[in-house]
């Protein structure tokens, strides 16, 4: 039996203060540029007028997707925590 690889997708929208959305985007955009494309694809867009950040992750399997979600949620939390200091 041959198992076909399924594509797994995850989308996250964060709405909030324009300052935080801009900080998240600027802090995390560099991470999407160097992301290993052979395992996953990550796209991020910010709409500052609406105060919204959209993060889309596509992975080849559920294990990779879960690891990616955990990584990006941790990165978002770090930026949010640091923004509260300043």
PDB file of N, CA and C in Angstrom:
ATOM      1  N   UNK A   1       0.840  -1.177   0.000  1.00  0.00           N
ATOM      2  CA  UNK A   1       0.000   0.000   0.000  1.00  0.00           C
ATOM      3  C   UNK A   1       0.888   1.244   0.000  1.00  0.00           C
ATOM      4  N   UNK A   2       0.638   2.126  -0.928  1.00  0.00           N
ATOM      5  CA  UNK A   2       1.392   3.374  -1.042  1.00  0.00           C
ATOM      6  C   UNK A   2       0.573   4.493  -0.415  1.00  0.00           C
ATOM      7  N   UNK A   3       1.204   5.180   0.515  1.00  0.00           N
ATOM      8  CA  UNK A   3       0.512   6.288   1.176  1.00  0.00           C
ATOM      9  C   UNK A   3       0.877   7.590   0.471  1.00  0.00           C
ATOM     10  N   UNK A   4      -0.123   8.335   0.071  1.00  0.00           N
ATOM     11  CA  UNK A   4       0.136   9.621  -0.573  1.00  0.00           C
ATOM     12  C   UNK A   4       0.346  10.690   0.484  1.00  0.00           C
ATOM     13  N   UNK A   5       1.245  11.575   0.184  1.00  0.00           N
ATOM     14  CA  UNK A   5       1.555  12.671   1.103  1.00  0.00           C
ATOM     15  C   UNK A   5       0.447  13.712   1.029  1.00  0.00           C
ATOM     16  N   UNK A   6      -0.051  14.114   2.168  1.00  0.00           N
ATOM     17  CA  UNK A   6      -1.081  15.138   2.216  1.00  0.00           C
ATOM     18  C   UNK A   6      -0.472  16.457   2.621  1.00  0.00           C
ATOM     19  N   UNK A   7      -0.974  17.486   2.052  1.00  0.00           N
ATOM     20  CA  UNK A   7      -0.554  18.831   2.426  1.00  0.00           C
ATOM     21  C   UNK A   7      -1.394  19.279   3.612  1.00  0.00           C
ATOM     22  N   UNK A   8      -0.733  19.852   4.598  1.00  0.00           N
ATOM     23  CA  UNK A   8      -1.422  20.325   5.800  1.00  0.00           C
ATOM     24  C   UNK A   8      -1.276  21.836   5.881  1.00  0.00           C
ATOM     25  N   UNK A   9      -2.388  22.519   6.096  1.00  0.00           N
ATOM     26  CA  UNK A   9      -2.392  23.982   6.135  1.00  0.00           C
ATOM     27  C   UNK A   9      -2.863  24.492   7.490  1.00  0.00           C
ATOM     28  N   UNK A  10      -2.338  25.664   7.861  1.00  0.00           N
ATOM     29  CA  UNK A  10      -2.738  26.339   9.092  1.00  0.00           C
ATOM     30  C   UNK A  10      -2.725  27.832   8.827  1.00  0.00           C
ATOM     31  N   UNK A  11      -3.763  28.518   9.262  1.00  0.00           N
ATOM     32  CA  UNK A  11      -3.830  29.978   9.130  1.00  0.00           C
ATOM     33  C   UNK A  11      -4.128  30.586  10.485  1.00  0.00           C
ATOM     34  N   UNK A  12      -3.447  31.688  10.766  1.00  0.00           N
ATOM     35  CA  UNK A  12      -3.643  32.403  12.020  1.00  0.00           C
ATOM     36  C   UNK A  12      -3.787  33.880  11.708  1.00  0.00           C
ATOM     37  N   UNK A  13      -4.845  34.485  12.217  1.00  0.00           N
ATOM     38  CA  UNK A  13      -5.043  35.930  12.092  1.00  0.00           C
ATOM     39  C   UNK A  13      -4.958  36.535  13.478  1.00  0.00           C
ATOM     40  N   UNK A  14      -4.135  37.562  13.599  1.00  0.00           N
ATOM     41  CA  UNK A  14      -3.996  38.268  14.867  1.00  0.00           C
ATOM     42  C   UNK A  14      -4.464  39.692  14.640  1.00  0.00           C
ATOM     43  N   UNK A  15      -5.441  40.118  15.420  1.00  0.00           N
ATOM     44  CA  UNK A  15      -5.919  41.497  15.338  1.00  0.00           C
ATOM     45  C   UNK A  15      -5.543  42.196  16.624  1.00  0.00           C
ATOM     46  N   UNK A  16      -5.103  43.436  16.482  1.00  0.00           N
ATOM     47  CA  UNK A  16      -4.713  44.173  17.672  1.00  0.00           C
ATOM     48  C   UNK A  16      -4.246  45.571  17.348  1.00  0.00           C
ATOM     49  N   UNK A  17      -3.566  46.133  18.305  1.00  0.00           N
ATOM     50  CA  UNK A  17      -3.011  47.465  18.189  1.00  0.00           C
ATOM     51  C   UNK A  17      -2.066  47.535  16.984  1.00  0.00           C
ATOM     52  N   UNK A  18      -2.182  48.581  16.208  1.00  0.00           N
ATOM     53  CA  UNK A  18      -1.353  48.747  15.010  1.00  0.00           C
ATOM     54  C   UNK A  18       0.128  48.683  15.340  1.00  0.00           C
ATOM     55  N   UNK A  19       0.514  49.264  16.484  1.00  0.00           N
ATOM     56  CA  UNK A  19       1.921  49.261  16.888  1.00  0.00           C
ATOM     57  C   UNK A  19       2.423  47.827  17.098  1.00  0.00           C
ATOM     58  N   UNK A  20       1.621  46.995  17.765  1.00  0.00           N
ATOM     59  CA  UNK A  20       2.008  45.609  18.004  1.00  0.00           C
ATOM     60  C   UNK A  20       2.046  44.814  16.708  1.00  0.00           C
ATOM     61  N   UNK A  21       1.065  45.007  15.845  1.00  0.00           N
ATOM     62  CA  UNK A  21       1.028  44.288  14.567  1.00  0.00           C
ATOM     63  C   UNK A  21       2.253  44.642  13.730  1.00  0.00           C
ATOM     64  N   UNK A  22       2.601  45.923  13.687  1.00  0.00           N
ATOM     65  CA  UNK A  22       3.783  46.351  12.932  1.00  0.00           C
ATOM     66  C   UNK A  22       5.052  45.756  13.540  1.00  0.00           C
ATOM     67  N   UNK A  23       5.149  45.751  14.856  1.00  0.00           N
ATOM     68  CA  UNK A  23       6.308  45.179  15.534  1.00  0.00           C
ATOM     69  C   UNK A  23       6.418  43.681  15.266  1.00  0.00           C
ATOM     70  N   UNK A  24       5.300  42.973  15.334  1.00  0.00           N
ATOM     71  CA  UNK A  24       5.304  41.543  15.022  1.00  0.00           C
ATOM     72  C   UNK A  24       5.777  41.300  13.598  1.00  0.00           C
ATOM     73  N   UNK A  25       5.227  42.058  12.668  1.00  0.00           N
ATOM     74  CA  UNK A  25       5.584  41.868  11.261  1.00  0.00           C
ATOM     75  C   UNK A  25       7.070  42.135  11.027  1.00  0.00           C
ATOM     76  N   UNK A  26       7.555  43.258  11.527  1.00  0.00           N
ATOM     77  CA  UNK A  26       8.963  43.605  11.315  1.00  0.00           C
ATOM     78  C   UNK A  26       9.902  42.616  12.002  1.00  0.00           C
ATOM     79  N   UNK A  27       9.504  42.123  13.151  1.00  0.00           N
ATOM     80  CA  UNK A  27      10.350  41.189  13.894  1.00  0.00           C
ATOM     81  C   UNK A  27      10.377  39.801  13.264  1.00  0.00           C
ATOM     82  N   UNK A  28       9.265  39.368  12.712  1.00  0.00           N
ATOM     83  CA  UNK A  28       9.157  37.999  12.221  1.00  0.00           C
ATOM     84  C   UNK A  28       9.355  37.842  10.716  1.00  0.00           C
ATOM     85  N   UNK A  29       9.301  38.933   9.969  1.00  0.00           N
ATOM     86  CA  UNK A  29       9.416  38.842   8.504  1.00  0.00           C
ATOM     87  C   UNK A  29      10.730  38.205   8.075  1.00  0.00           C
ATOM     88  N   UNK A  30      11.804  38.518   8.773  1.00  0.00           N
ATOM     89  CA  UNK A  30      13.108  37.948   8.417  1.00  0.00           C
ATOM     90  C   UNK A  30      13.113  36.425   8.570  1.00  0.00           C
ATOM     91  N   UNK A  31      12.330  35.913   9.500  1.00  0.00           N
ATOM     92  CA  UNK A  31      12.266  34.466   9.713  1.00  0.00           C
ATOM     93  C   UNK A  31      11.625  33.747   8.525  1.00  0.00           C
ATOM     94  N   UNK A  32      10.710  34.395   7.839  1.00  0.00           N
ATOM     95  CA  UNK A  32      10.058  33.751   6.691  1.00  0.00           C
ATOM     96  C   UNK A  32      10.987  33.696   5.486  1.00  0.00           C
ATOM     97  N   UNK A  33      11.929  34.638   5.382  1.00  0.00           N
ATOM     98  CA  UNK A  33      12.841  34.676   4.239  1.00  0.00           C
ATOM     99  C   UNK A  33      13.792  33.486   4.212  1.00  0.00           C
ATOM    100  N   UNK A  34      14.262  33.068   5.370  1.00  0.00           N
ATOM    101  CA  UNK A  34      15.256  31.998   5.446  1.00  0.00           C
ATOM    102  C   UNK A  34      14.657  30.651   5.828  1.00  0.00           C
ATOM    103  N   UNK A  35      13.358  30.515   5.698  1.00  0.00           N
ATOM    104  CA  UNK A  35      12.711  29.284   6.125  1.00  0.00           C
ATOM    105  C   UNK A  35      12.998  28.165   5.132  1.00  0.00           C
ATOM    106  N   UNK A  36      13.305  26.948   5.616  1.00  0.00           N
ATOM    107  CA  UNK A  36      13.617  25.842   4.704  1.00  0.00           C
ATOM    108  C   UNK A  36      12.393  25.429   3.876  1.00  0.00           C
ATOM    109  N   UNK A  37      12.395  25.761   2.609  1.00  0.00           N
ATOM    110  CA  UNK A  37      11.231  25.552   1.737  1.00  0.00           C
ATOM    111  C   UNK A  37      10.974  24.079   1.433  1.00  0.00           C
ATOM    112  N   UNK A  38      11.959  23.210   1.638  1.00  0.00           N
ATOM    113  CA  UNK A  38      11.752  21.800   1.327  1.00  0.00           C
ATOM    114  C   UNK A  38      10.803  21.121   2.316  1.00  0.00           C
ATOM    115  N   UNK A  39      10.651  21.686   3.515  1.00  0.00           N
ATOM    116  CA  UNK A  39       9.780  21.085   4.524  1.00  0.00           C
ATOM    117  C   UNK A  39       8.444  21.796   4.656  1.00  0.00           C
ATOM    118  N   UNK A  40       8.499  23.107   4.656  1.00  0.00           N
ATOM    119  CA  UNK A  40       7.289  23.895   4.888  1.00  0.00           C
ATOM    120  C   UNK A  40       7.382  25.226   4.165  1.00  0.00           C
ATOM    121  N   UNK A  41       6.236  25.838   4.028  1.00  0.00           N
ATOM    122  CA  UNK A  41       6.187  27.185   3.451  1.00  0.00           C
ATOM    123  C   UNK A  41       5.440  28.071   4.439  1.00  0.00           C
ATOM    124  N   UNK A  42       6.007  29.235   4.690  1.00  0.00           N
ATOM    125  CA  UNK A  42       5.398  30.178   5.618  1.00  0.00           C
ATOM    126  C   UNK A  42       5.241  31.512   4.912  1.00  0.00           C
ATOM    127  N   UNK A  43       4.038  32.059   4.950  1.00  0.00           N
ATOM    128  CA  UNK A  43       3.775  33.379   4.387  1.00  0.00           C
ATOM    129  C   UNK A  43       3.147  34.240   5.464  1.00  0.00           C
ATOM    130  N   UNK A  44       3.567  35.505   5.490  1.00  0.00           N
ATOM    131  CA  UNK A  44       3.031  36.421   6.485  1.00  0.00           C
ATOM    132  C   UNK A  44       2.698  37.736   5.809  1.00  0.00           C
ATOM    133  N   UNK A  45       1.533  38.271   6.140  1.00  0.00           N
ATOM    134  CA  UNK A  45       1.092  39.558   5.609  1.00  0.00           C
ATOM    135  C   UNK A  45       0.523  40.387   6.747  1.00  0.00           C
ATOM    136  N   UNK A  46       0.752  41.692   6.670  1.00  0.00           N
ATOM    137  CA  UNK A  46       0.206  42.597   7.683  1.00  0.00           C
ATOM    138  C   UNK A  46      -0.631  43.663   6.998  1.00  0.00           C
ATOM    139  N   UNK A  47      -1.776  43.942   7.585  1.00  0.00           N
ATOM    140  CA  UNK A  47      -2.623  45.037   7.137  1.00  0.00           C
ATOM    141  C   UNK A  47      -2.704  46.022   8.300  1.00  0.00           C
ATOM    142  N   UNK A  48      -1.851  47.042   8.251  1.00  0.00           N
ATOM    143  CA  UNK A  48      -1.768  47.981   9.365  1.00  0.00           C
ATOM    144  C   UNK A  48      -3.015  48.839   9.491  1.00  0.00           C
ATOM    145  N   UNK A  49      -3.708  49.096   8.383  1.00  0.00           N
ATOM    146  CA  UNK A  49      -4.939  49.886   8.444  1.00  0.00           C
ATOM    147  C   UNK A  49      -6.004  49.187   9.290  1.00  0.00           C
ATOM    148  N   UNK A  50      -6.041  47.866   9.199  1.00  0.00           N
ATOM    149  CA  UNK A  50      -7.029  47.091   9.955  1.00  0.00           C
ATOM    150  C   UNK A  50      -6.443  46.495  11.232  1.00  0.00           C
ATOM    151  N   UNK A  51      -5.141  46.668  11.444  1.00  0.00           N
ATOM    152  CA  UNK A  51      -4.493  46.100  12.624  1.00  0.00           C
ATOM    153  C   UNK A  51      -4.546  44.587  12.632  1.00  0.00           C
ATOM    154  N   UNK A  52      -4.155  43.976  11.504  1.00  0.00           N
ATOM    155  CA  UNK A  52      -4.273  42.528  11.359  1.00  0.00           C
ATOM    156  C   UNK A  52      -2.992  41.930  10.781  1.00  0.00           C
ATOM    157  N   UNK A  53      -2.565  40.821  11.365  1.00  0.00           N
ATOM    158  CA  UNK A  53      -1.426  40.055  10.867  1.00  0.00           C
ATOM    159  C   UNK A  53      -1.937  38.677  10.482  1.00  0.00           C
ATOM    160  N   UNK A  54      -1.614  38.224   9.293  1.00  0.00           N
ATOM    161  CA  UNK A  54      -2.044  36.915   8.804  1.00  0.00           C
ATOM    162  C   UNK A  54      -0.809  36.041   8.617  1.00  0.00           C
ATOM    163  N   UNK A  55      -0.817  34.862   9.232  1.00  0.00           N
ATOM    164  CA  UNK A  55       0.274  33.903   9.117  1.00  0.00           C
ATOM    165  C   UNK A  55      -0.290  32.622   8.522  1.00  0.00           C
ATOM    166  N   UNK A  56       0.287  32.176   7.407  1.00  0.00           N
ATOM    167  CA  UNK A  56      -0.152  30.948   6.746  1.00  0.00           C
ATOM    168  C   UNK A  56       1.018  29.979   6.682  1.00  0.00           C
ATOM    169  N   UNK A  57       0.800  28.757   7.167  1.00  0.00           N
ATOM    170  CA  UNK A  57       1.831  27.723   7.171  1.00  0.00           C
ATOM    171  C   UNK A  57       1.313  26.536   6.375  1.00  0.00           C
ATOM    172  N   UNK A  58       2.140  26.032   5.465  1.00  0.00           N
ATOM    173  CA  UNK A  58       1.821  24.830   4.705  1.00  0.00           C
ATOM    174  C   UNK A  58       2.964  23.844   4.903  1.00  0.00           C
ATOM    175  N   UNK A  59       2.620  22.625   5.300  1.00  0.00           N
ATOM    176  CA  UNK A  59       3.628  21.595   5.540  1.00  0.00           C
ATOM    177  C   UNK A  59       3.236  20.319   4.813  1.00  0.00           C
ATOM    178  N   UNK A  60       4.225  19.463   4.615  1.00  0.00           N
ATOM    179  CA  UNK A  60       3.996  18.208   3.915  1.00  0.00           C
ATOM    180  C   UNK A  60       3.337  17.138   4.766  1.00  0.00           C
ATOM    181  N   UNK A  61       3.381  17.303   6.088  1.00  0.00           N
ATOM    182  CA  UNK A  61       2.746  16.323   6.969  1.00  0.00           C
ATOM    183  C   UNK A  61       2.348  16.989   8.278  1.00  0.00           C
ATOM    184  N   UNK A  62       1.545  16.297   9.046  1.00  0.00           N
ATOM    185  CA  UNK A  62       0.981  16.872  10.266  1.00  0.00           C
ATOM    186  C   UNK A  62       2.047  17.085  11.343  1.00  0.00           C
ATOM    187  N   UNK A  63       3.057  16.227  11.388  1.00  0.00           N
ATOM    188  CA  UNK A  63       4.120  16.372  12.388  1.00  0.00           C
ATOM    189  C   UNK A  63       4.902  17.658  12.143  1.00  0.00           C
ATOM    190  N   UNK A  64       5.249  17.898  10.901  1.00  0.00           N
ATOM    191  CA  UNK A  64       5.962  19.124  10.533  1.00  0.00           C
ATOM    192  C   UNK A  64       5.095  20.351  10.790  1.00  0.00           C
ATOM    193  N   UNK A  65       3.816  20.248  10.483  1.00  0.00           N
ATOM    194  CA  UNK A  65       2.901  21.367  10.715  1.00  0.00           C
ATOM    195  C   UNK A  65       2.832  21.710  12.201  1.00  0.00           C
ATOM    196  N   UNK A  66       2.707  20.705  13.047  1.00  0.00           N
ATOM    197  CA  UNK A  66       2.635  20.938  14.491  1.00  0.00           C
ATOM    198  C   UNK A  66       3.910  21.602  15.002  1.00  0.00           C
ATOM    199  N   UNK A  67       5.056  21.145  14.535  1.00  0.00           N
ATOM    200  CA  UNK A  67       6.327  21.752  14.944  1.00  0.00           C
ATOM    201  C   UNK A  67       6.401  23.212  14.500  1.00  0.00           C
ATOM    202  N   UNK A  68       5.946  23.479  13.292  1.00  0.00           N
ATOM    203  CA  UNK A  68       5.950  24.850  12.782  1.00  0.00           C
ATOM    204  C   UNK A  68       5.008  25.751  13.569  1.00  0.00           C
ATOM    205  N   UNK A  69       3.830  25.261  13.868  1.00  0.00           N
ATOM    206  CA  UNK A  69       2.872  26.053  14.646  1.00  0.00           C
ATOM    207  C   UNK A  69       3.471  26.399  16.003  1.00  0.00           C
ATOM    208  N   UNK A  70       4.058  25.409  16.671  1.00  0.00           N
ATOM    209  CA  UNK A  70       4.674  25.660  17.978  1.00  0.00           C
ATOM    210  C   UNK A  70       5.788  26.695  17.889  1.00  0.00           C
ATOM    211  N   UNK A  71       6.617  26.597  16.866  1.00  0.00           N
ATOM    212  CA  UNK A  71       7.716  27.552  16.682  1.00  0.00           C
ATOM    213  C   UNK A  71       7.190  28.961  16.499  1.00  0.00           C
ATOM    214  N   UNK A  72       6.234  29.130  15.601  1.00  0.00           N
ATOM    215  CA  UNK A  72       5.724  30.470  15.310  1.00  0.00           C
ATOM    216  C   UNK A  72       4.942  31.060  16.475  1.00  0.00           C
ATOM    217  N   UNK A  73       4.206  30.240  17.202  1.00  0.00           N
ATOM    218  CA  UNK A  73       3.499  30.754  18.376  1.00  0.00           C
ATOM    219  C   UNK A  73       4.484  31.209  19.454  1.00  0.00           C
ATOM    220  N   UNK A  74       5.590  30.468  19.614  1.00  0.00           N
ATOM    221  CA  UNK A  74       6.619  30.891  20.566  1.00  0.00           C
ATOM    222  C   UNK A  74       7.254  32.203  20.144  1.00  0.00           C
ATOM    223  N   UNK A  75       7.559  32.341  18.861  1.00  0.00           N
ATOM    224  CA  UNK A  75       8.154  33.585  18.366  1.00  0.00           C
ATOM    225  C   UNK A  75       7.205  34.764  18.577  1.00  0.00           C
ATOM    226  N   UNK A  76       5.935  34.559  18.297  1.00  0.00           N
ATOM    227  CA  UNK A  76       4.938  35.619  18.495  1.00  0.00           C
ATOM    228  C   UNK A  76       4.860  35.999  19.970  1.00  0.00           C
ATOM    229  N   UNK A  77       4.881  35.017  20.852  1.00  0.00           N
ATOM    230  CA  UNK A  77       4.821  35.298  22.293  1.00  0.00           C
ATOM    231  C   UNK A  77       6.045  36.080  22.754  1.00  0.00           C
ATOM    232  N   UNK A  78       7.219  35.730  22.256  1.00  0.00           N
ATOM    233  CA  UNK A  78       8.440  36.457  22.635  1.00  0.00           C
ATOM    234  C   UNK A  78       8.333  37.923  22.235  1.00  0.00           C
ATOM    235  N   UNK A  79       7.900  38.185  21.007  1.00  0.00           N
ATOM    236  CA  UNK A  79       7.759  39.572  20.544  1.00  0.00           C
ATOM    237  C   UNK A  79       6.727  40.307  21.391  1.00  0.00           C
ATOM    238  N   UNK A  80       5.609  39.656  21.680  1.00  0.00           N
ATOM    239  CA  UNK A  80       4.571  40.275  22.509  1.00  0.00           C
ATOM    240  C   UNK A  80       5.099  40.575  23.911  1.00  0.00           C
ATOM    241  N   UNK A  81       5.804  39.637  24.515  1.00  0.00           N
ATOM    242  CA  UNK A  81       6.364  39.852  25.856  1.00  0.00           C
ATOM    243  C   UNK A  81       7.359  41.007  25.870  1.00  0.00           C
ATOM    244  N   UNK A  82       8.211  41.064  24.866  1.00  0.00           N
ATOM    245  CA  UNK A  82       9.205  42.141  24.795  1.00  0.00           C
ATOM    246  C   UNK A  82       8.529  43.486  24.570  1.00  0.00           C
ATOM    247  N   UNK A  83       7.459  43.505  23.786  1.00  0.00           N
ATOM    248  CA  UNK A  83       6.765  44.774  23.519  1.00  0.00           C
ATOM    249  C   UNK A  83       6.167  45.365  24.793  1.00  0.00           C
ATOM    250  N   UNK A  84       5.842  44.524  25.759  1.00  0.00           N
ATOM    251  CA  UNK A  84       5.267  45.000  27.022  1.00  0.00           C
ATOM    252  C   UNK A  84       6.315  45.640  27.928  1.00  0.00           C
ATOM    253  N   UNK A  85       7.580  45.334  27.694  1.00  0.00           N
ATOM    254  CA  UNK A  85       8.661  45.913  28.491  1.00  0.00           C
ATOM    255  C   UNK A  85       8.887  47.364  28.106  1.00  0.00           C
ATOM    256  N   UNK A  86       8.753  47.652  26.821  1.00  0.00           N
ATOM    257  CA  UNK A  86       9.064  49.001  26.324  1.00  0.00           C
ATOM    258  C   UNK A  86       7.837  49.849  26.212  1.00  0.00           C
TER     259      UNK A  86
END
